[in-house]
Structure formats: C-alpha cells, structure tokens
PDB file of N, CA and C in Angstrom:
ATOM      1  N   UNK A   1      77.869 104.384 116.081  1.00  0.00           N
ATOM      2  CA  UNK A   1      78.826 103.304 116.154  1.00  0.00           C
ATOM      3  C   UNK A   1      78.315 102.074 115.406  1.00  0.00           C
ATOM      4  N   UNK A   2      77.013 101.854 115.434  1.00  0.00           N
ATOM      5  CA  UNK A   2      76.445 100.690 114.760  1.00  0.00           C
ATOM      6  C   UNK A   2      76.740 100.726 113.262  1.00  0.00           C
ATOM      7  N   UNK A   3      76.699 101.909 112.653  1.00  0.00           N
ATOM      8  CA  UNK A   3      76.981 102.026 111.219  1.00  0.00           C
ATOM      9  C   UNK A   3      78.411 101.582 110.893  1.00  0.00           C
ATOM     10  N   UNK A   4      79.348 101.928 111.771  1.00  0.00           N
ATOM     11  CA  UNK A   4      80.733 101.508 111.562  1.00  0.00           C
ATOM     12  C   UNK A   4      80.871  99.994 111.689  1.00  0.00           C
ATOM     13  N   UNK A   5      80.159  99.417 112.653  1.00  0.00           N
ATOM     14  CA  UNK A   5      80.186  97.966 112.849  1.00  0.00           C
ATOM     15  C   UNK A   5      79.613  97.273 111.613  1.00  0.00           C
ATOM     16  N   UNK A   6      78.503  97.790 111.104  1.00  0.00           N
ATOM     17  CA  UNK A   6      77.873  97.205 109.910  1.00  0.00           C
ATOM     18  C   UNK A   6      78.828  97.269 108.724  1.00  0.00           C
ATOM     19  N   UNK A   7      79.475  98.413 108.530  1.00  0.00           N
ATOM     20  CA  UNK A   7      80.403  98.566 107.410  1.00  0.00           C
ATOM     21  C   UNK A   7      81.557  97.568 107.503  1.00  0.00           C
ATOM     22  N   UNK A   8      82.112  97.400 108.703  1.00  0.00           N
ATOM     23  CA  UNK A   8      83.202  96.440 108.886  1.00  0.00           C
ATOM     24  C   UNK A   8      82.724  95.006 108.652  1.00  0.00           C
ATOM     25  N   UNK A   9      81.547  94.681 109.177  1.00  0.00           N
ATOM     26  CA  UNK A   9      81.002  93.328 109.013  1.00  0.00           C
ATOM     27  C   UNK A   9      80.704  93.031 107.544  1.00  0.00           C
ATOM     28  N   UNK A  10      80.226  94.031 106.805  1.00  0.00           N
ATOM     29  CA  UNK A  10      79.985  93.845 105.367  1.00  0.00           C
ATOM     30  C   UNK A  10      81.282  93.512 104.646  1.00  0.00           C
ATOM     31  N   UNK A  11      82.337  94.196 105.029  1.00  0.00           N
ATOM     32  CA  UNK A  11      83.643  93.947 104.421  1.00  0.00           C
ATOM     33  C   UNK A  11      84.117  92.528 104.726  1.00  0.00           C
ATOM     34  N   UNK A  12      83.935  92.098 105.958  1.00  0.00           N
ATOM     35  CA  UNK A  12      84.370  90.759 106.368  1.00  0.00           C
ATOM     36  C   UNK A  12      83.595  89.644 105.674  1.00  0.00           C
ATOM     37  N   UNK A  13      82.314  89.876 105.421  1.00  0.00           N
ATOM     38  CA  UNK A  13      81.446  88.807 104.917  1.00  0.00           C
ATOM     39  C   UNK A  13      81.102  88.915 103.443  1.00  0.00           C
ATOM     40  N   UNK A  14      81.409  90.051 102.832  1.00  0.00           N
ATOM     41  CA  UNK A  14      80.966  90.312 101.463  1.00  0.00           C
ATOM     42  C   UNK A  14      79.454  90.075 101.374  1.00  0.00           C
ATOM     43  N   UNK A  15      78.729  90.657 102.320  1.00  0.00           N
ATOM     44  CA  UNK A  15      77.279  90.462 102.418  1.00  0.00           C
ATOM     45  C   UNK A  15      76.578  90.910 101.137  1.00  0.00           C
ATOM     46  N   UNK A  16      75.621  90.105 100.736  1.00  0.00           N
ATOM     47  CA  UNK A  16      74.820  90.447  99.567  1.00  0.00           C
ATOM     48  C   UNK A  16      73.763  91.467  99.964  1.00  0.00           C
ATOM     49  N   UNK A  17      73.139  92.051  98.977  1.00  0.00           N
ATOM     50  CA  UNK A  17      72.072  93.018  99.252  1.00  0.00           C
ATOM     51  C   UNK A  17      70.932  92.368 100.032  1.00  0.00           C
ATOM     52  N   UNK A  18      70.660  91.125  99.739  1.00  0.00           N
ATOM     53  CA  UNK A  18      69.589  90.405 100.436  1.00  0.00           C
ATOM     54  C   UNK A  18      69.922  90.152 101.907  1.00  0.00           C
ATOM     55  N   UNK A  19      71.221  90.142 102.248  1.00  0.00           N
ATOM     56  CA  UNK A  19      71.652  89.874 103.625  1.00  0.00           C
ATOM     57  C   UNK A  19      71.830  91.133 104.457  1.00  0.00           C
ATOM     58  N   UNK A  20      71.759  92.298 103.839  1.00  0.00           N
ATOM     59  CA  UNK A  20      72.067  93.547 104.533  1.00  0.00           C
ATOM     60  C   UNK A  20      71.153  93.820 105.725  1.00  0.00           C
ATOM     61  N   UNK A  21      69.864  93.594 105.594  1.00  0.00           N
ATOM     62  CA  UNK A  21      68.946  93.854 106.704  1.00  0.00           C
ATOM     63  C   UNK A  21      69.261  92.950 107.893  1.00  0.00           C
ATOM     64  N   UNK A  22      69.516  91.678 107.611  1.00  0.00           N
ATOM     65  CA  UNK A  22      69.876  90.742 108.673  1.00  0.00           C
ATOM     66  C   UNK A  22      71.190  91.166 109.323  1.00  0.00           C
ATOM     67  N   UNK A  23      72.156  91.569 108.518  1.00  0.00           N
ATOM     68  CA  UNK A  23      73.445  91.988 109.052  1.00  0.00           C
ATOM     69  C   UNK A  23      73.306  93.212 109.954  1.00  0.00           C
ATOM     70  N   UNK A  24      72.430  94.131 109.599  1.00  0.00           N
ATOM     71  CA  UNK A  24      72.186  95.308 110.443  1.00  0.00           C
ATOM     72  C   UNK A  24      71.644  94.892 111.809  1.00  0.00           C
ATOM     73  N   UNK A  25      70.722  93.946 111.828  1.00  0.00           N
ATOM     74  CA  UNK A  25      70.181  93.452 113.100  1.00  0.00           C
ATOM     75  C   UNK A  25      71.247  92.719 113.905  1.00  0.00           C
ATOM     76  N   UNK A  26      72.034  91.906 113.230  1.00  0.00           N
ATOM     77  CA  UNK A  26      73.099  91.168 113.907  1.00  0.00           C
ATOM     78  C   UNK A  26      74.159  92.108 114.470  1.00  0.00           C
ATOM     79  N   UNK A  27      74.464  93.180 113.757  1.00  0.00           N
ATOM     80  CA  UNK A  27      75.448  94.155 114.240  1.00  0.00           C
ATOM     81  C   UNK A  27      74.938  94.866 115.493  1.00  0.00           C
ATOM     82  N   UNK A  28      73.667  95.229 115.495  1.00  0.00           N
ATOM     83  CA  UNK A  28      73.077  95.857 116.685  1.00  0.00           C
ATOM     84  C   UNK A  28      73.091  94.922 117.880  1.00  0.00           C
ATOM     85  N   UNK A  29      72.783  93.659 117.628  1.00  0.00           N
ATOM     86  CA  UNK A  29      72.792  92.664 118.708  1.00  0.00           C
ATOM     87  C   UNK A  29      74.209  92.438 119.231  1.00  0.00           C
ATOM     88  N   UNK A  30      75.186  92.392 118.339  1.00  0.00           N
ATOM     89  CA  UNK A  30      76.577  92.210 118.753  1.00  0.00           C
ATOM     90  C   UNK A  30      77.042  93.391 119.606  1.00  0.00           C
ATOM     91  N   UNK A  31      76.656  94.589 119.194  1.00  0.00           N
ATOM     92  CA  UNK A  31      77.016  95.781 119.959  1.00  0.00           C
ATOM     93  C   UNK A  31      76.416  95.718 121.365  1.00  0.00           C
ATOM     94  N   UNK A  32      75.168  95.314 121.478  1.00  0.00           N
ATOM     95  CA  UNK A  32      74.522  95.198 122.788  1.00  0.00           C
ATOM     96  C   UNK A  32      75.180  94.124 123.642  1.00  0.00           C
ATOM     97  N   UNK A  33      75.494  92.966 123.038  1.00  0.00           N
ATOM     98  CA  UNK A  33      76.139  91.876 123.777  1.00  0.00           C
ATOM     99  C   UNK A  33      77.474  92.314 124.349  1.00  0.00           C
ATOM    100  N   UNK A  34      78.282  92.961 123.516  1.00  0.00           N
ATOM    101  CA  UNK A  34      79.599  93.384 123.982  1.00  0.00           C
ATOM    102  C   UNK A  34      79.510  94.501 125.015  1.00  0.00           C
ATOM    103  N   UNK A  35      78.573  95.419 124.830  1.00  0.00           N
ATOM    104  CA  UNK A  35      78.391  96.499 125.808  1.00  0.00           C
ATOM    105  C   UNK A  35      78.040  95.923 127.179  1.00  0.00           C
ATOM    106  N   UNK A  36      77.211  94.895 127.197  1.00  0.00           N
ATOM    107  CA  UNK A  36      76.815  94.257 128.456  1.00  0.00           C
ATOM    108  C   UNK A  36      77.991  93.548 129.126  1.00  0.00           C
ATOM    109  N   UNK A  37      78.990  93.158 128.368  1.00  0.00           N
ATOM    110  CA  UNK A  37      80.138  92.447 128.914  1.00  0.00           C
ATOM    111  C   UNK A  37      81.197  93.380 129.505  1.00  0.00           C
ATOM    112  N   UNK A  38      81.150  94.655 129.157  1.00  0.00           N
ATOM    113  CA  UNK A  38      82.181  95.594 129.589  1.00  0.00           C
ATOM    114  C   UNK A  38      82.122  95.858 131.089  1.00  0.00           C
ATOM    115  N   UNK A  39      83.281  96.115 131.665  1.00  0.00           N
ATOM    116  CA  UNK A  39      83.338  96.509 133.078  1.00  0.00           C
ATOM    117  C   UNK A  39      82.571  97.812 133.265  1.00  0.00           C
ATOM    118  N   UNK A  40      82.167  98.086 134.482  1.00  0.00           N
ATOM    119  CA  UNK A  40      81.367  99.280 134.774  1.00  0.00           C
ATOM    120  C   UNK A  40      82.113 100.574 134.454  1.00  0.00           C
ATOM    121  N   UNK A  41      83.442 100.560 134.560  1.00  0.00           N
ATOM    122  CA  UNK A  41      84.217 101.776 134.325  1.00  0.00           C
ATOM    123  C   UNK A  41      84.681 101.924 132.868  1.00  0.00           C
ATOM    124  N   UNK A  42      84.192 101.060 131.989  1.00  0.00           N
ATOM    125  CA  UNK A  42      84.614 101.061 130.587  1.00  0.00           C
ATOM    126  C   UNK A  42      83.407 101.276 129.684  1.00  0.00           C
ATOM    127  N   UNK A  43      83.593 102.089 128.658  1.00  0.00           N
ATOM    128  CA  UNK A  43      82.549 102.284 127.651  1.00  0.00           C
ATOM    129  C   UNK A  43      83.074 101.763 126.311  1.00  0.00           C
ATOM    130  N   UNK A  44      82.179 101.645 125.356  1.00  0.00           N
ATOM    131  CA  UNK A  44      82.580 101.202 124.020  1.00  0.00           C
ATOM    132  C   UNK A  44      83.599 102.159 123.429  1.00  0.00           C
ATOM    133  N   UNK A  45      83.431 103.451 123.689  1.00  0.00           N
ATOM    134  CA  UNK A  45      84.357 104.450 123.168  1.00  0.00           C
ATOM    135  C   UNK A  45      85.743 104.302 123.780  1.00  0.00           C
ATOM    136  N   UNK A  46      85.807 103.917 125.051  1.00  0.00           N
ATOM    137  CA  UNK A  46      87.075 103.704 125.732  1.00  0.00           C
ATOM    138  C   UNK A  46      87.884 102.613 125.041  1.00  0.00           C
ATOM    139  N   UNK A  47      87.204 101.591 124.548  1.00  0.00           N
ATOM    140  CA  UNK A  47      87.861 100.453 123.902  1.00  0.00           C
ATOM    141  C   UNK A  47      88.387 100.810 122.517  1.00  0.00           C
ATOM    142  N   UNK A  48      87.819 101.853 121.932  1.00  0.00           N
ATOM    143  CA  UNK A  48      88.256 102.290 120.613  1.00  0.00           C
ATOM    144  C   UNK A  48      88.018 101.255 119.536  1.00  0.00           C
ATOM    145  N   UNK A  49      89.044 101.026 118.729  1.00  0.00           N
ATOM    146  CA  UNK A  49      88.943 100.101 117.606  1.00  0.00           C
ATOM    147  C   UNK A  49      88.683  98.667 118.013  1.00  0.00           C
ATOM    148  N   UNK A  50      89.120  98.288 119.199  1.00  0.00           N
ATOM    149  CA  UNK A  50      88.913  96.904 119.652  1.00  0.00           C
ATOM    150  C   UNK A  50      87.424  96.586 119.741  1.00  0.00           C
ATOM    151  N   UNK A  51      86.634  97.520 120.234  1.00  0.00           N
ATOM    152  CA  UNK A  51      85.198  97.295 120.351  1.00  0.00           C
ATOM    153  C   UNK A  51      84.563  97.170 118.974  1.00  0.00           C
ATOM    154  N   UNK A  52      84.913  98.083 118.081  1.00  0.00           N
ATOM    155  CA  UNK A  52      84.358  98.049 116.725  1.00  0.00           C
ATOM    156  C   UNK A  52      84.704  96.749 116.017  1.00  0.00           C
ATOM    157  N   UNK A  53      85.962  96.361 116.094  1.00  0.00           N
ATOM    158  CA  UNK A  53      86.390  95.124 115.435  1.00  0.00           C
ATOM    159  C   UNK A  53      85.722  93.896 116.044  1.00  0.00           C
ATOM    160  N   UNK A  54      85.660  93.854 117.373  1.00  0.00           N
ATOM    161  CA  UNK A  54      85.042  92.700 118.031  1.00  0.00           C
ATOM    162  C   UNK A  54      83.566  92.597 117.675  1.00  0.00           C
ATOM    163  N   UNK A  55      82.853  93.708 117.672  1.00  0.00           N
ATOM    164  CA  UNK A  55      81.428  93.685 117.326  1.00  0.00           C
ATOM    165  C   UNK A  55      81.228  93.276 115.866  1.00  0.00           C
ATOM    166  N   UNK A  56      82.085  93.773 114.983  1.00  0.00           N
ATOM    167  CA  UNK A  56      81.994  93.402 113.565  1.00  0.00           C
ATOM    168  C   UNK A  56      82.293  91.917 113.376  1.00  0.00           C
ATOM    169  N   UNK A  57      83.284  91.405 114.105  1.00  0.00           N
ATOM    170  CA  UNK A  57      83.600  89.982 114.020  1.00  0.00           C
ATOM    171  C   UNK A  57      82.432  89.122 114.506  1.00  0.00           C
ATOM    172  N   UNK A  58      81.782  89.538 115.598  1.00  0.00           N
ATOM    173  CA  UNK A  58      80.621  88.791 116.092  1.00  0.00           C
ATOM    174  C   UNK A  58      79.471  88.813 115.096  1.00  0.00           C
ATOM    175  N   UNK A  59      79.197  89.978 114.539  1.00  0.00           N
ATOM    176  CA  UNK A  59      78.122  90.093 113.547  1.00  0.00           C
ATOM    177  C   UNK A  59      78.443  89.246 112.322  1.00  0.00           C
ATOM    178  N   UNK A  60      79.694  89.293 111.883  1.00  0.00           N
ATOM    179  CA  UNK A  60      80.110  88.487 110.732  1.00  0.00           C
ATOM    180  C   UNK A  60      79.979  87.000 111.042  1.00  0.00           C
ATOM    181  N   UNK A  61      80.387  86.593 112.236  1.00  0.00           N
ATOM    182  CA  UNK A  61      80.274  85.190 112.636  1.00  0.00           C
ATOM    183  C   UNK A  61      78.821  84.738 112.625  1.00  0.00           C
ATOM    184  N   UNK A  62      77.944  85.592 113.129  1.00  0.00           N
ATOM    185  CA  UNK A  62      76.523  85.241 113.150  1.00  0.00           C
ATOM    186  C   UNK A  62      75.960  85.112 111.737  1.00  0.00           C
ATOM    187  N   UNK A  63      76.353  86.007 110.844  1.00  0.00           N
ATOM    188  CA  UNK A  63      75.885  85.922 109.461  1.00  0.00           C
ATOM    189  C   UNK A  63      76.443  84.677 108.773  1.00  0.00           C
ATOM    190  N   UNK A  64      77.731  84.414 108.971  1.00  0.00           N
ATOM    191  CA  UNK A  64      78.326  83.215 108.375  1.00  0.00           C
ATOM    192  C   UNK A  64      77.678  81.951 108.933  1.00  0.00           C
ATOM    193  N   UNK A  65      77.311  82.007 110.213  1.00  0.00           N
ATOM    194  CA  UNK A  65      76.615  80.874 110.817  1.00  0.00           C
ATOM    195  C   UNK A  65      75.275  80.601 110.158  1.00  0.00           C
ATOM    196  N   UNK A  66      74.579  81.651 109.760  1.00  0.00           N
ATOM    197  CA  UNK A  66      73.299  81.447 109.080  1.00  0.00           C
ATOM    198  C   UNK A  66      73.520  80.890 107.682  1.00  0.00           C
ATOM    199  N   UNK A  67      74.621  81.256 107.056  1.00  0.00           N
ATOM    200  CA  UNK A  67      74.942  80.704 105.736  1.00  0.00           C
ATOM    201  C   UNK A  67      75.262  79.223 105.836  1.00  0.00           C
ATOM    202  N   UNK A  68      75.965  78.848 106.877  1.00  0.00           N
ATOM    203  CA  UNK A  68      76.364  77.454 107.047  1.00  0.00           C
ATOM    204  C   UNK A  68      75.200  76.608 107.525  1.00  0.00           C
ATOM    205  N   UNK A  69      74.229  77.264 108.161  1.00  0.00           N
ATOM    206  CA  UNK A  69      73.004  76.580 108.573  1.00  0.00           C
ATOM    207  C   UNK A  69      73.242  75.423 109.514  1.00  0.00           C
ATOM    208  N   UNK A  70      72.539  74.355 109.270  1.00  0.00           N
ATOM    209  CA  UNK A  70      72.558  73.195 110.160  1.00  0.00           C
ATOM    210  C   UNK A  70      73.903  72.483 110.176  1.00  0.00           C
ATOM    211  N   UNK A  71      74.741  72.714 109.193  1.00  0.00           N
ATOM    212  CA  UNK A  71      76.028  72.021 109.138  1.00  0.00           C
ATOM    213  C   UNK A  71      76.981  72.480 110.225  1.00  0.00           C
ATOM    214  N   UNK A  72      76.797  73.702 110.732  1.00  0.00           N
ATOM    215  CA  UNK A  72      77.698  74.187 111.768  1.00  0.00           C
ATOM    216  C   UNK A  72      77.491  73.380 113.036  1.00  0.00           C
ATOM    217  N   UNK A  73      78.576  72.992 113.640  1.00  0.00           N
ATOM    218  CA  UNK A  73      78.511  72.209 114.860  1.00  0.00           C
ATOM    219  C   UNK A  73      78.552  70.715 114.608  1.00  0.00           C
ATOM    220  N   UNK A  74      78.343  70.285 113.367  1.00  0.00           N
ATOM    221  CA  UNK A  74      78.399  68.870 113.024  1.00  0.00           C
ATOM    222  C   UNK A  74      79.862  68.491 112.876  1.00  0.00           C
ATOM    223  N   UNK A  75      80.297  67.473 113.617  1.00  0.00           N
ATOM    224  CA  UNK A  75      81.686  67.060 113.533  1.00  0.00           C
ATOM    225  C   UNK A  75      81.882  65.903 112.570  1.00  0.00           C
ATOM    226  N   UNK A  76      80.873  65.040 112.474  1.00  0.00           N
ATOM    227  CA  UNK A  76      80.995  63.879 111.595  1.00  0.00           C
ATOM    228  C   UNK A  76      79.635  63.532 111.028  1.00  0.00           C
ATOM    229  N   UNK A  77      79.599  63.257 109.740  1.00  0.00           N
ATOM    230  CA  UNK A  77      78.361  62.894 109.063  1.00  0.00           C
ATOM    231  C   UNK A  77      78.665  61.761 108.095  1.00  0.00           C
ATOM    232  N   UNK A  78      77.872  60.706 108.157  1.00  0.00           N
ATOM    233  CA  UNK A  78      78.062  59.576 107.260  1.00  0.00           C
ATOM    234  C   UNK A  78      76.746  59.233 106.589  1.00  0.00           C
ATOM    235  N   UNK A  79      76.811  59.036 105.284  1.00  0.00           N
ATOM    236  CA  UNK A  79      75.643  58.602 104.515  1.00  0.00           C
ATOM    237  C   UNK A  79      76.115  57.539 103.538  1.00  0.00           C
ATOM    238  N   UNK A  80      75.822  56.294 103.861  1.00  0.00           N
ATOM    239  CA  UNK A  80      76.286  55.194 103.011  1.00  0.00           C
ATOM    240  C   UNK A  80      77.796  55.098 103.049  1.00  0.00           C
ATOM    241  N   UNK A  81      78.416  55.151 101.899  1.00  0.00           N
ATOM    242  CA  UNK A  81      79.874  55.048 101.803  1.00  0.00           C
ATOM    243  C   UNK A  81      80.583  56.386 101.925  1.00  0.00           C
ATOM    244  N   UNK A  82      79.812  57.474 102.033  1.00  0.00           N
ATOM    245  CA  UNK A  82      80.393  58.809 102.104  1.00  0.00           C
ATOM    246  C   UNK A  82      80.446  59.263 103.558  1.00  0.00           C
ATOM    247  N   UNK A  83      81.627  59.733 103.972  1.00  0.00           N
ATOM    248  CA  UNK A  83      81.807  60.216 105.337  1.00  0.00           C
ATOM    249  C   UNK A  83      82.465  61.590 105.296  1.00  0.00           C
ATOM    250  N   UNK A  84      81.927  62.532 106.049  1.00  0.00           N
ATOM    251  CA  UNK A  84      82.469  63.886 106.125  1.00  0.00           C
ATOM    252  C   UNK A  84      82.818  64.167 107.570  1.00  0.00           C
ATOM    253  N   UNK A  85      84.028  64.645 107.810  1.00  0.00           N
ATOM    254  CA  UNK A  85      84.483  64.985 109.156  1.00  0.00           C
ATOM    255  C   UNK A  85      84.953  66.420 109.164  1.00  0.00           C
ATOM    256  N   UNK A  86      84.495  67.174 110.159  1.00  0.00           N
ATOM    257  CA  UNK A  86      84.894  68.570 110.288  1.00  0.00           C
ATOM    258  C   UNK A  86      86.334  68.646 110.761  1.00  0.00           C
ATOM    259  N   UNK A  87      87.064  69.658 110.305  1.00  0.00           N
ATOM    260  CA  UNK A  87      88.450  69.820 110.697  1.00  0.00           C
ATOM    261  C   UNK A  87      88.556  70.234 112.162  1.00  0.00           C
ATOM    262  N   UNK A  88      89.713  70.015 112.726  1.00  0.00           N
ATOM    263  CA  UNK A  88      89.954  70.313 114.134  1.00  0.00           C
ATOM    264  C   UNK A  88      89.796  71.795 114.440  1.00  0.00           C
ATOM    265  N   UNK A  89      90.129  72.673 113.506  1.00  0.00           N
ATOM    266  CA  UNK A  89      90.096  74.108 113.747  1.00  0.00           C
ATOM    267  C   UNK A  89      88.708  74.690 113.933  1.00  0.00           C
ATOM    268  N   UNK A  90      87.683  73.960 113.595  1.00  0.00           N
ATOM    269  CA  UNK A  90      86.324  74.472 113.726  1.00  0.00           C
ATOM    270  C   UNK A  90      85.928  75.286 112.516  1.00  0.00           C
ATOM    271  N   UNK A  91      84.763  75.880 112.605  1.00  0.00           N
ATOM    272  CA  UNK A  91      84.250  76.648 111.487  1.00  0.00           C
ATOM    273  C   UNK A  91      84.797  78.067 111.515  1.00  0.00           C
ATOM    274  N   UNK A  92      84.646  78.744 110.407  1.00  0.00           N
ATOM    275  CA  UNK A  92      85.060  80.136 110.327  1.00  0.00           C
ATOM    276  C   UNK A  92      84.298  80.976 111.345  1.00  0.00           C
ATOM    277  N   UNK A  93      82.990  80.714 111.475  1.00  0.00           N
ATOM    278  CA  UNK A  93      82.172  81.468 112.422  1.00  0.00           C
ATOM    279  C   UNK A  93      82.694  81.298 113.845  1.00  0.00           C
ATOM    280  N   UNK A  94      83.040  80.078 114.225  1.00  0.00           N
ATOM    281  CA  UNK A  94      83.572  79.838 115.571  1.00  0.00           C
ATOM    282  C   UNK A  94      84.890  80.582 115.774  1.00  0.00           C
ATOM    283  N   UNK A  95      85.732  80.567 114.756  1.00  0.00           N
ATOM    284  CA  UNK A  95      87.027  81.254 114.838  1.00  0.00           C
ATOM    285  C   UNK A  95      86.840  82.763 115.011  1.00  0.00           C
ATOM    286  N   UNK A  96      85.894  83.328 114.279  1.00  0.00           N
ATOM    287  CA  UNK A  96      85.623  84.761 114.403  1.00  0.00           C
ATOM    288  C   UNK A  96      85.104  85.111 115.789  1.00  0.00           C
ATOM    289  N   UNK A  97      84.231  84.263 116.333  1.00  0.00           N
ATOM    290  CA  UNK A  97      83.712  84.508 117.687  1.00  0.00           C
ATOM    291  C   UNK A  97      84.826  84.482 118.720  1.00  0.00           C
ATOM    292  N   UNK A  98      85.691  83.479 118.623  1.00  0.00           N
ATOM    293  CA  UNK A  98      86.812  83.394 119.574  1.00  0.00           C
ATOM    294  C   UNK A  98      87.711  84.619 119.462  1.00  0.00           C
ATOM    295  N   UNK A  99      87.992  85.028 118.237  1.00  0.00           N
ATOM    296  CA  UNK A  99      88.849  86.195 118.014  1.00  0.00           C
ATOM    297  C   UNK A  99      88.206  87.451 118.596  1.00  0.00           C
ATOM    298  N   UNK A 100      86.910  87.623 118.408  1.00  0.00           N
ATOM    299  CA  UNK A 100      86.210  88.793 118.938  1.00  0.00           C
ATOM    300  C   UNK A 100      86.273  88.827 120.460  1.00  0.00           C
ATOM    301  N   UNK A 101      86.024  87.684 121.091  1.00  0.00           N
ATOM    302  CA  UNK A 101      86.026  87.645 122.551  1.00  0.00           C
ATOM    303  C   UNK A 101      87.425  87.870 123.125  1.00  0.00           C
ATOM    304  N   UNK A 102      88.445  87.373 122.448  1.00  0.00           N
ATOM    305  CA  UNK A 102      89.818  87.628 122.890  1.00  0.00           C
ATOM    306  C   UNK A 102      90.169  89.109 122.761  1.00  0.00           C
ATOM    307  N   UNK A 103      89.663  89.729 121.723  1.00  0.00           N
ATOM    308  CA  UNK A 103      89.954  91.136 121.465  1.00  0.00           C
ATOM    309  C   UNK A 103      89.351  92.047 122.539  1.00  0.00           C
ATOM    310  N   UNK A 104      88.165  91.710 123.013  1.00  0.00           N
ATOM    311  CA  UNK A 104      87.446  92.569 123.956  1.00  0.00           C
ATOM    312  C   UNK A 104      87.717  92.167 125.418  1.00  0.00           C
ATOM    313  N   UNK A 105      88.339  91.030 125.612  1.00  0.00           N
ATOM    314  CA  UNK A 105      88.576  90.489 126.953  1.00  0.00           C
ATOM    315  C   UNK A 105      89.230  91.472 127.934  1.00  0.00           C
ATOM    316  N   UNK A 106      90.241  92.253 127.532  1.00  0.00           N
ATOM    317  CA  UNK A 106      90.873  93.166 128.491  1.00  0.00           C
ATOM    318  C   UNK A 106      89.928  94.228 129.065  1.00  0.00           C
ATOM    319  N   UNK A 107      88.820  94.475 128.394  1.00  0.00           N
ATOM    320  CA  UNK A 107      87.878  95.510 128.824  1.00  0.00           C
ATOM    321  C   UNK A 107      86.680  94.948 129.581  1.00  0.00           C
ATOM    322  N   UNK A 108      86.642  93.639 129.732  1.00  0.00           N
ATOM    323  CA  UNK A 108      85.489  92.992 130.362  1.00  0.00           C
ATOM    324  C   UNK A 108      85.761  92.693 131.826  1.00  0.00           C
ATOM    325  N   UNK A 109      84.665  92.604 132.566  1.00  0.00           N
ATOM    326  CA  UNK A 109      84.780  92.226 133.962  1.00  0.00           C
ATOM    327  C   UNK A 109      85.085  90.743 134.068  1.00  0.00           C
ATOM    328  N   UNK A 110      85.811  90.378 135.091  1.00  0.00           N
ATOM    329  CA  UNK A 110      86.129  88.967 135.302  1.00  0.00           C
ATOM    330  C   UNK A 110      84.969  88.251 135.958  1.00  0.00           C
ATOM    331  N   UNK A 111      85.011  86.960 135.888  1.00  0.00           N
ATOM    332  CA  UNK A 111      83.985  86.161 136.565  1.00  0.00           C
ATOM    333  C   UNK A 111      84.692  85.104 137.399  1.00  0.00           C
ATOM    334  N   UNK A 112      84.018  84.641 138.416  1.00  0.00           N
ATOM    335  CA  UNK A 112      84.598  83.682 139.327  1.00  0.00           C
ATOM    336  C   UNK A 112      83.527  82.674 139.689  1.00  0.00           C
ATOM    337  N   UNK A 113      83.887  81.412 139.668  1.00  0.00           N
ATOM    338  CA  UNK A 113      82.907  80.373 140.011  1.00  0.00           C
ATOM    339  C   UNK A 113      83.633  79.185 140.633  1.00  0.00           C
ATOM    340  N   UNK A 114      82.943  78.515 141.529  1.00  0.00           N
ATOM    341  CA  UNK A 114      83.448  77.267 142.098  1.00  0.00           C
ATOM    342  C   UNK A 114      82.866  76.129 141.287  1.00  0.00           C
ATOM    343  N   UNK A 115      83.708  75.207 140.871  1.00  0.00           N
ATOM    344  CA  UNK A 115      83.249  74.062 140.113  1.00  0.00           C
ATOM    345  C   UNK A 115      83.556  72.800 140.923  1.00  0.00           C
ATOM    346  N   UNK A 116      82.527  72.028 141.164  1.00  0.00           N
ATOM    347  CA  UNK A 116      82.717  70.752 141.826  1.00  0.00           C
ATOM    348  C   UNK A 116      83.065  70.845 143.295  1.00  0.00           C
ATOM    349  N   UNK A 117      82.690  71.909 143.946  1.00  0.00           N
ATOM    350  CA  UNK A 117      82.985  72.075 145.363  1.00  0.00           C
ATOM    351  C   UNK A 117      81.752  71.683 146.162  1.00  0.00           C
ATOM    352  N   UNK A 118      81.935  70.753 147.094  1.00  0.00           N
ATOM    353  CA  UNK A 118      80.813  70.316 147.921  1.00  0.00           C
ATOM    354  C   UNK A 118      80.604  71.280 149.076  1.00  0.00           C
ATOM    355  N   UNK A 119      79.330  71.538 149.350  1.00  0.00           N
ATOM    356  CA  UNK A 119      78.996  72.494 150.396  1.00  0.00           C
ATOM    357  C   UNK A 119      78.801  71.884 151.736  1.00  0.00           C
TER     358      UNK A 119
END
C-alpha cells in the first residue's frame, strides 16, 4: 500500500528525484498516522481509495511544507516599506491536510472532551 501512496503523492507534488527518498519516508509516516486514527473495526483496506488518497494528501502536504520552509504559518511579515500578508485560505499544505482528514473522518473513531468544565 505504501508504494501506491508514494506514487499518488509524487503525482500531487511533482517530486524531484532529490525529494523521492524524503517522500517515501513521509508516505510511510502518513500511512502510520492514518492507521492509528482508524476505528478498531476498520482497516486501511476497508477504507479503499479514501485511505490511499488521504495518506497521499498528507505526504504531499508534508513535502510541500518542507519546500515552503519557515514561511509556512507566517501570516504577516514586514521589512521596511515592504509588507507581505498571507491569504485567508492558508497554504496549500494546510489545505491538503484538511482535505485528507475530512476524507478519512468517516472511518475514524470519535473523541469526546469537556472544555472549561469546573470539577
């Protein structure tokens, strides 16, 4: 399954030959992350294409994040008379991560937490 994830992520990112080894590691990590999120009664195979696509999107997001480097997460930067502001939509990497998590969400276990409740 990892080979399929790598192939999809390469297509999404147009990874260079120099990036292939990193992408392989990122794809394996994405597969492990998503597998850990699945409900106990669900396997990666049960999810079918959704799992493959979500893992490829996560791997692609991670690779794109390394390309963007320190600039990712910066909303506003000013140097003298020059000011740069990030768009409201966020970065491509963030968008891919959100899309991946939405895609795999139906197969994941729910979580429940109390916020701000005094004991």
